[in-house]
Amino acid sequence: MRKHLSDSDVLKIVEHYKEGLGCGTIANKIGTSRDIVRAVLRGRNYKNITGGRIMLGRRIAGKSFNG
């Protein structure tokens, strides 16, 4: 059985990501899997809440880049 994230959980995922936290850390804080967090940030799930893709590429030392 899947756990559906609440709107506030989805917004917390985005907020934590923008603060520089990684997918694994965010998943632990929210109580879901890293794959779900990654899907939210890549705009595959819950894009009606997030507006689309948030994660643009790999993150190194708290910075995001496309490459």
N, C-alpha and C. Protein backbone atom coordinates (compact mmCIF):
# COMPACT_ATOMS: atom_id res chain seq x y z
N MET A 1 0.84 -1.18 0.00
CA MET A 1 0.00 0.00 0.00
C MET A 1 0.88 1.24 0.00
N ARG A 2 0.58 2.18 -0.88
CA ARG A 2 1.36 3.41 -0.99
C ARG A 2 0.88 4.45 -0.01
N LYS A 3 1.82 5.20 0.50
CA LYS A 3 1.50 6.34 1.35
C LYS A 3 1.49 7.58 0.46
N HIS A 4 0.37 8.24 0.41
CA HIS A 4 0.30 9.48 -0.35
C HIS A 4 0.81 10.61 0.52
N LEU A 5 1.60 11.48 -0.07
CA LEU A 5 2.14 12.62 0.66
C LEU A 5 1.08 13.71 0.74
N SER A 6 1.04 14.39 1.85
CA SER A 6 0.15 15.54 1.97
C SER A 6 0.77 16.72 1.23
N ASP A 7 -0.05 17.72 0.94
CA ASP A 7 0.46 18.92 0.27
C ASP A 7 1.58 19.55 1.09
N SER A 8 1.42 19.56 2.41
CA SER A 8 2.45 20.17 3.26
C SER A 8 3.75 19.37 3.22
N ASP A 9 3.66 18.03 3.12
CA ASP A 9 4.88 17.21 3.00
C ASP A 9 5.62 17.53 1.70
N VAL A 10 4.87 17.68 0.62
CA VAL A 10 5.48 18.00 -0.68
C VAL A 10 6.17 19.36 -0.61
N LEU A 11 5.52 20.33 -0.01
CA LEU A 11 6.12 21.66 0.12
C LEU A 11 7.34 21.64 1.04
N LYS A 12 7.32 20.78 2.07
CA LYS A 12 8.49 20.63 2.94
C LYS A 12 9.66 20.03 2.17
N ILE A 13 9.37 19.08 1.29
CA ILE A 13 10.43 18.47 0.47
C ILE A 13 11.12 19.57 -0.35
N VAL A 14 10.34 20.41 -1.01
CA VAL A 14 10.89 21.48 -1.82
C VAL A 14 11.69 22.46 -0.96
N GLU A 15 11.12 22.82 0.18
CA GLU A 15 11.79 23.76 1.08
C GLU A 15 13.13 23.20 1.56
N HIS A 16 13.14 21.95 2.00
CA HIS A 16 14.39 21.33 2.47
C HIS A 16 15.42 21.25 1.35
N TYR A 17 14.97 20.94 0.13
CA TYR A 17 15.89 20.87 -1.00
C TYR A 17 16.52 22.24 -1.26
N LYS A 18 15.71 23.28 -1.22
CA LYS A 18 16.22 24.63 -1.46
C LYS A 18 17.15 25.08 -0.35
N GLU A 19 17.02 24.49 0.84
CA GLU A 19 17.92 24.79 1.95
C GLU A 19 19.25 24.06 1.79
N GLY A 20 19.33 23.13 0.84
CA GLY A 20 20.58 22.44 0.57
C GLY A 20 20.64 21.00 1.04
N LEU A 21 19.55 20.46 1.55
CA LEU A 21 19.55 19.07 2.01
C LEU A 21 19.43 18.12 0.83
N GLY A 22 20.02 16.94 0.97
CA GLY A 22 19.97 15.93 -0.06
C GLY A 22 18.71 15.08 0.03
N CYS A 23 18.48 14.28 -1.00
CA CYS A 23 17.27 13.47 -1.07
C CYS A 23 17.16 12.47 0.08
N GLY A 24 18.26 11.85 0.46
CA GLY A 24 18.23 10.88 1.56
C GLY A 24 17.88 11.52 2.88
N THR A 25 18.46 12.66 3.15
CA THR A 25 18.17 13.39 4.40
C THR A 25 16.72 13.86 4.43
N ILE A 26 16.24 14.37 3.30
CA ILE A 26 14.86 14.81 3.23
C ILE A 26 13.91 13.64 3.44
N ALA A 27 14.21 12.51 2.81
CA ALA A 27 13.37 11.32 2.95
C ALA A 27 13.26 10.90 4.40
N ASN A 28 14.38 10.93 5.12
CA ASN A 28 14.35 10.57 6.54
C ASN A 28 13.50 11.54 7.35
N LYS A 29 13.59 12.82 7.05
CA LYS A 29 12.82 13.83 7.78
C LYS A 29 11.32 13.69 7.52
N ILE A 30 10.95 13.41 6.26
CA ILE A 30 9.54 13.33 5.87
C ILE A 30 8.95 11.96 6.21
N GLY A 31 9.79 10.93 6.20
CA GLY A 31 9.31 9.58 6.48
C GLY A 31 8.85 8.85 5.23
N THR A 32 9.57 9.07 4.14
CA THR A 32 9.26 8.40 2.88
C THR A 32 10.57 7.93 2.25
N SER A 33 10.52 7.41 1.05
CA SER A 33 11.74 6.91 0.42
C SER A 33 12.45 8.00 -0.37
N ARG A 34 13.72 7.77 -0.60
CA ARG A 34 14.54 8.70 -1.38
C ARG A 34 14.02 8.79 -2.82
N ASP A 35 13.50 7.67 -3.35
CA ASP A 35 12.97 7.66 -4.71
C ASP A 35 11.74 8.56 -4.84
N ILE A 36 10.89 8.57 -3.83
CA ILE A 36 9.71 9.45 -3.85
C ILE A 36 10.14 10.91 -3.81
N VAL A 37 11.10 11.22 -2.95
CA VAL A 37 11.60 12.60 -2.86
C VAL A 37 12.18 13.02 -4.20
N ARG A 38 12.97 12.16 -4.80
CA ARG A 38 13.59 12.47 -6.09
C ARG A 38 12.52 12.66 -7.17
N ALA A 39 11.48 11.85 -7.15
CA ALA A 39 10.40 11.98 -8.14
C ALA A 39 9.65 13.31 -7.98
N VAL A 40 9.45 13.73 -6.74
CA VAL A 40 8.81 15.03 -6.49
C VAL A 40 9.69 16.15 -7.03
N LEU A 41 10.98 16.09 -6.73
CA LEU A 41 11.89 17.16 -7.14
C LEU A 41 12.13 17.19 -8.64
N ARG A 42 12.00 16.05 -9.29
CA ARG A 42 12.17 16.01 -10.75
C ARG A 42 10.87 16.29 -11.50
N GLY A 43 9.80 16.52 -10.77
CA GLY A 43 8.53 16.88 -11.38
C GLY A 43 7.72 15.72 -11.91
N ARG A 44 8.04 14.50 -11.51
CA ARG A 44 7.28 13.34 -11.95
C ARG A 44 6.02 13.14 -11.11
N ASN A 45 6.09 13.48 -9.84
CA ASN A 45 4.95 13.33 -8.92
C ASN A 45 4.64 14.69 -8.32
N TYR A 46 3.37 14.93 -8.08
CA TYR A 46 2.90 16.12 -7.36
C TYR A 46 3.26 17.44 -8.06
N LYS A 47 3.38 17.42 -9.40
CA LYS A 47 3.72 18.67 -10.09
C LYS A 47 2.59 19.68 -10.04
N ASN A 48 1.37 19.22 -9.69
CA ASN A 48 0.28 20.17 -9.50
C ASN A 48 0.52 21.04 -8.26
N ILE A 49 1.35 20.57 -7.34
CA ILE A 49 1.68 21.33 -6.13
C ILE A 49 2.98 22.11 -6.32
N THR A 50 3.99 21.45 -6.89
CA THR A 50 5.31 22.08 -7.01
C THR A 50 5.44 22.98 -8.22
N GLY A 51 4.61 22.77 -9.23
CA GLY A 51 4.72 23.55 -10.46
C GLY A 51 5.65 22.93 -11.48
N GLY A 52 6.23 21.79 -11.16
CA GLY A 52 7.12 21.10 -12.11
C GLY A 52 8.46 20.79 -11.51
N ARG A 53 9.44 20.67 -12.37
CA ARG A 53 10.78 20.24 -11.99
C ARG A 53 11.47 21.25 -11.09
N ILE A 54 12.01 20.77 -9.98
CA ILE A 54 12.76 21.59 -9.04
C ILE A 54 14.25 21.24 -9.14
N MET A 55 14.54 19.95 -9.18
CA MET A 55 15.92 19.46 -9.26
C MET A 55 16.37 19.53 -10.71
N LEU A 56 17.39 20.34 -10.97
CA LEU A 56 17.84 20.54 -12.34
C LEU A 56 19.03 19.68 -12.74
N GLY A 57 19.71 19.16 -11.79
CA GLY A 57 20.88 18.35 -12.09
C GLY A 57 21.47 17.80 -10.83
N ARG A 58 22.73 17.40 -10.91
CA ARG A 58 23.40 16.90 -9.71
C ARG A 58 23.78 18.04 -8.81
N ARG A 59 23.89 17.74 -7.53
CA ARG A 59 24.25 18.76 -6.55
C ARG A 59 25.61 18.39 -5.96
N ILE A 60 26.50 19.36 -5.94
CA ILE A 60 27.81 19.17 -5.33
C ILE A 60 28.02 20.28 -4.32
N ALA A 61 28.32 19.91 -3.09
CA ALA A 61 28.61 20.86 -2.01
C ALA A 61 27.52 21.91 -1.87
N GLY A 62 26.26 21.45 -1.94
CA GLY A 62 25.14 22.36 -1.72
C GLY A 62 24.76 23.22 -2.90
N LYS A 63 25.42 23.03 -4.03
CA LYS A 63 25.11 23.81 -5.22
C LYS A 63 24.55 22.88 -6.28
N SER A 64 23.68 23.39 -7.10
CA SER A 64 23.10 22.60 -8.17
C SER A 64 23.67 23.05 -9.50
N PHE A 65 23.89 22.10 -10.40
CA PHE A 65 24.36 22.46 -11.72
C PHE A 65 23.82 21.46 -12.72
N ASN A 66 23.75 21.87 -13.95
CA ASN A 66 23.33 20.99 -15.03
C ASN A 66 24.57 20.43 -15.67
N GLY A 67 24.57 19.13 -15.85
CA GLY A 67 25.76 18.57 -16.48
C GLY A 67 25.68 17.18 -16.54
